[in-house]
Amino acid sequence: GNQIGAAFWQQISGEHGLDSNGVYNGTSDLQLERLSVYFNEASGNKYVPRAVLVDLEP
């Protein structure tokens, strides 16, 4: 479950031009459209996924 969730966020981040730190490095205004559906904007112009992934297995 969490591996699929992590892969989803990696894919969505890439589609919206975000690097692994949540900083926008894209080249198209289209990438910024609907960004707030998946991410919250934090301080320092960083975007944070709107999700909490929890795994109870070791």
N, C-alpha and C. Protein backbone atom coordinates (compact mmCIF):
# COMPACT_ATOMS: atom_id res chain seq x y z
N GLY A 1 0.79 -1.20 0.00
CA GLY A 1 0.00 0.00 0.00
C GLY A 1 0.84 1.27 0.00
N ASN A 2 1.80 1.36 0.93
CA ASN A 2 2.61 2.57 1.01
C ASN A 2 3.56 2.70 -0.18
N GLN A 3 4.02 1.57 -0.72
CA GLN A 3 4.88 1.63 -1.89
C GLN A 3 4.12 2.18 -3.09
N ILE A 4 2.88 1.78 -3.23
CA ILE A 4 2.04 2.30 -4.31
C ILE A 4 1.78 3.79 -4.08
N GLY A 5 1.49 4.17 -2.84
CA GLY A 5 1.27 5.58 -2.51
C GLY A 5 2.49 6.43 -2.79
N ALA A 6 3.67 5.93 -2.43
CA ALA A 6 4.91 6.67 -2.68
C ALA A 6 5.16 6.81 -4.18
N ALA A 7 4.89 5.76 -4.94
CA ALA A 7 5.06 5.82 -6.40
C ALA A 7 4.07 6.82 -7.01
N PHE A 8 2.85 6.86 -6.49
CA PHE A 8 1.85 7.82 -6.97
C PHE A 8 2.35 9.25 -6.76
N TRP A 9 2.84 9.56 -5.55
CA TRP A 9 3.30 10.92 -5.27
C TRP A 9 4.53 11.28 -6.08
N GLN A 10 5.39 10.32 -6.34
CA GLN A 10 6.56 10.57 -7.18
C GLN A 10 6.11 10.93 -8.60
N GLN A 11 5.15 10.20 -9.12
CA GLN A 11 4.63 10.46 -10.46
C GLN A 11 3.94 11.82 -10.54
N ILE A 12 3.07 12.12 -9.58
CA ILE A 12 2.35 13.39 -9.58
C ILE A 12 3.31 14.56 -9.43
N SER A 13 4.32 14.40 -8.58
CA SER A 13 5.32 15.46 -8.40
C SER A 13 6.03 15.76 -9.71
N GLY A 14 6.43 14.71 -10.40
CA GLY A 14 7.11 14.87 -11.69
C GLY A 14 6.23 15.54 -12.73
N GLU A 15 4.96 15.16 -12.77
CA GLU A 15 4.04 15.75 -13.74
C GLU A 15 3.83 17.24 -13.50
N HIS A 16 3.95 17.65 -12.23
CA HIS A 16 3.74 19.05 -11.90
C HIS A 16 5.05 19.83 -11.78
N GLY A 17 6.17 19.23 -12.15
CA GLY A 17 7.45 19.93 -12.17
C GLY A 17 8.07 20.16 -10.80
N LEU A 18 7.76 19.31 -9.84
CA LEU A 18 8.32 19.45 -8.50
C LEU A 18 9.49 18.49 -8.33
N ASP A 19 10.56 18.97 -7.68
CA ASP A 19 11.67 18.08 -7.38
C ASP A 19 11.39 17.32 -6.09
N SER A 20 12.34 16.52 -5.64
CA SER A 20 12.11 15.67 -4.46
C SER A 20 11.98 16.48 -3.17
N ASN A 21 12.37 17.75 -3.20
CA ASN A 21 12.22 18.63 -2.03
C ASN A 21 10.94 19.44 -2.07
N GLY A 22 10.14 19.27 -3.12
CA GLY A 22 8.88 20.00 -3.23
C GLY A 22 9.01 21.38 -3.83
N VAL A 23 10.15 21.66 -4.46
CA VAL A 23 10.38 22.96 -5.08
C VAL A 23 10.01 22.86 -6.56
N TYR A 24 9.28 23.88 -7.05
CA TYR A 24 8.86 23.88 -8.45
C TYR A 24 10.03 24.21 -9.35
N ASN A 25 10.32 23.34 -10.30
CA ASN A 25 11.37 23.55 -11.29
C ASN A 25 10.83 23.37 -12.70
N GLY A 26 9.53 23.44 -12.84
CA GLY A 26 8.90 23.20 -14.13
C GLY A 26 9.08 24.35 -15.10
N THR A 27 8.59 24.15 -16.30
CA THR A 27 8.74 25.15 -17.36
C THR A 27 7.41 25.60 -17.95
N SER A 28 6.31 25.04 -17.47
CA SER A 28 5.02 25.33 -18.07
C SER A 28 4.02 25.79 -17.01
N ASP A 29 3.24 26.80 -17.36
CA ASP A 29 2.18 27.25 -16.46
C ASP A 29 1.12 26.17 -16.26
N LEU A 30 1.00 25.27 -17.23
CA LEU A 30 0.03 24.17 -17.10
C LEU A 30 0.35 23.27 -15.92
N GLN A 31 1.64 23.16 -15.58
CA GLN A 31 2.02 22.33 -14.44
C GLN A 31 1.52 22.90 -13.13
N LEU A 32 1.32 24.20 -13.07
CA LEU A 32 0.88 24.84 -11.83
C LEU A 32 -0.64 24.80 -11.66
N GLU A 33 -1.35 24.51 -12.76
CA GLU A 33 -2.80 24.42 -12.66
C GLU A 33 -3.20 23.22 -11.81
N ARG A 34 -4.15 23.43 -10.96
CA ARG A 34 -4.70 22.37 -10.10
C ARG A 34 -3.65 21.76 -9.16
N LEU A 35 -2.54 22.44 -8.95
CA LEU A 35 -1.51 21.94 -8.04
C LEU A 35 -2.06 21.81 -6.63
N SER A 36 -2.98 22.70 -6.28
CA SER A 36 -3.54 22.69 -4.93
C SER A 36 -4.46 21.49 -4.68
N VAL A 37 -4.82 20.76 -5.73
CA VAL A 37 -5.62 19.55 -5.54
C VAL A 37 -4.80 18.50 -4.80
N TYR A 38 -3.52 18.43 -5.11
CA TYR A 38 -2.66 17.40 -4.55
C TYR A 38 -1.67 17.90 -3.50
N PHE A 39 -1.36 19.20 -3.52
CA PHE A 39 -0.31 19.74 -2.66
C PHE A 39 -0.77 20.98 -1.92
N ASN A 40 -0.19 21.19 -0.73
CA ASN A 40 -0.34 22.44 0.00
C ASN A 40 0.96 23.21 -0.16
N GLU A 41 0.85 24.53 -0.33
CA GLU A 41 2.06 25.34 -0.45
C GLU A 41 2.56 25.70 0.95
N ALA A 42 3.81 25.37 1.21
CA ALA A 42 4.44 25.65 2.51
C ALA A 42 5.36 26.86 2.36
N SER A 43 6.00 27.24 3.44
CA SER A 43 6.92 28.38 3.39
C SER A 43 8.10 28.05 2.48
N GLY A 44 8.69 29.08 1.93
CA GLY A 44 9.83 28.90 1.05
C GLY A 44 9.46 28.38 -0.32
N ASN A 45 8.21 28.61 -0.74
CA ASN A 45 7.73 28.15 -2.05
C ASN A 45 7.92 26.65 -2.26
N LYS A 46 7.70 25.90 -1.21
CA LYS A 46 7.75 24.44 -1.30
C LYS A 46 6.33 23.90 -1.27
N TYR A 47 6.14 22.79 -1.94
CA TYR A 47 4.84 22.15 -1.98
C TYR A 47 4.92 20.81 -1.25
N VAL A 48 3.92 20.55 -0.41
CA VAL A 48 3.88 19.36 0.43
C VAL A 48 2.66 18.54 0.03
N PRO A 49 2.83 17.23 -0.19
CA PRO A 49 1.67 16.39 -0.55
C PRO A 49 0.58 16.45 0.51
N ARG A 50 -0.65 16.42 0.05
CA ARG A 50 -1.80 16.43 0.96
C ARG A 50 -2.17 14.99 1.29
N ALA A 51 -1.28 14.33 2.04
CA ALA A 51 -1.52 12.93 2.40
C ALA A 51 -0.68 12.55 3.61
N VAL A 52 -1.14 11.55 4.31
CA VAL A 52 -0.38 10.93 5.39
C VAL A 52 -0.39 9.43 5.12
N LEU A 53 0.78 8.85 4.95
CA LEU A 53 0.89 7.41 4.72
C LEU A 53 1.40 6.76 6.00
N VAL A 54 0.68 5.76 6.48
CA VAL A 54 1.04 5.08 7.73
C VAL A 54 1.10 3.58 7.47
N ASP A 55 2.14 2.96 7.96
CA ASP A 55 2.29 1.51 7.83
C ASP A 55 2.56 0.93 9.20
N LEU A 56 1.76 -0.03 9.62
CA LEU A 56 1.91 -0.64 10.94
C LEU A 56 2.81 -1.87 10.92
N GLU A 57 3.21 -2.31 9.74
CA GLU A 57 4.09 -3.48 9.65
C GLU A 57 5.54 -3.03 9.69
N PRO A 58 6.42 -3.87 10.28
CA PRO A 58 7.85 -3.50 10.35
C PRO A 58 8.54 -3.57 9.01
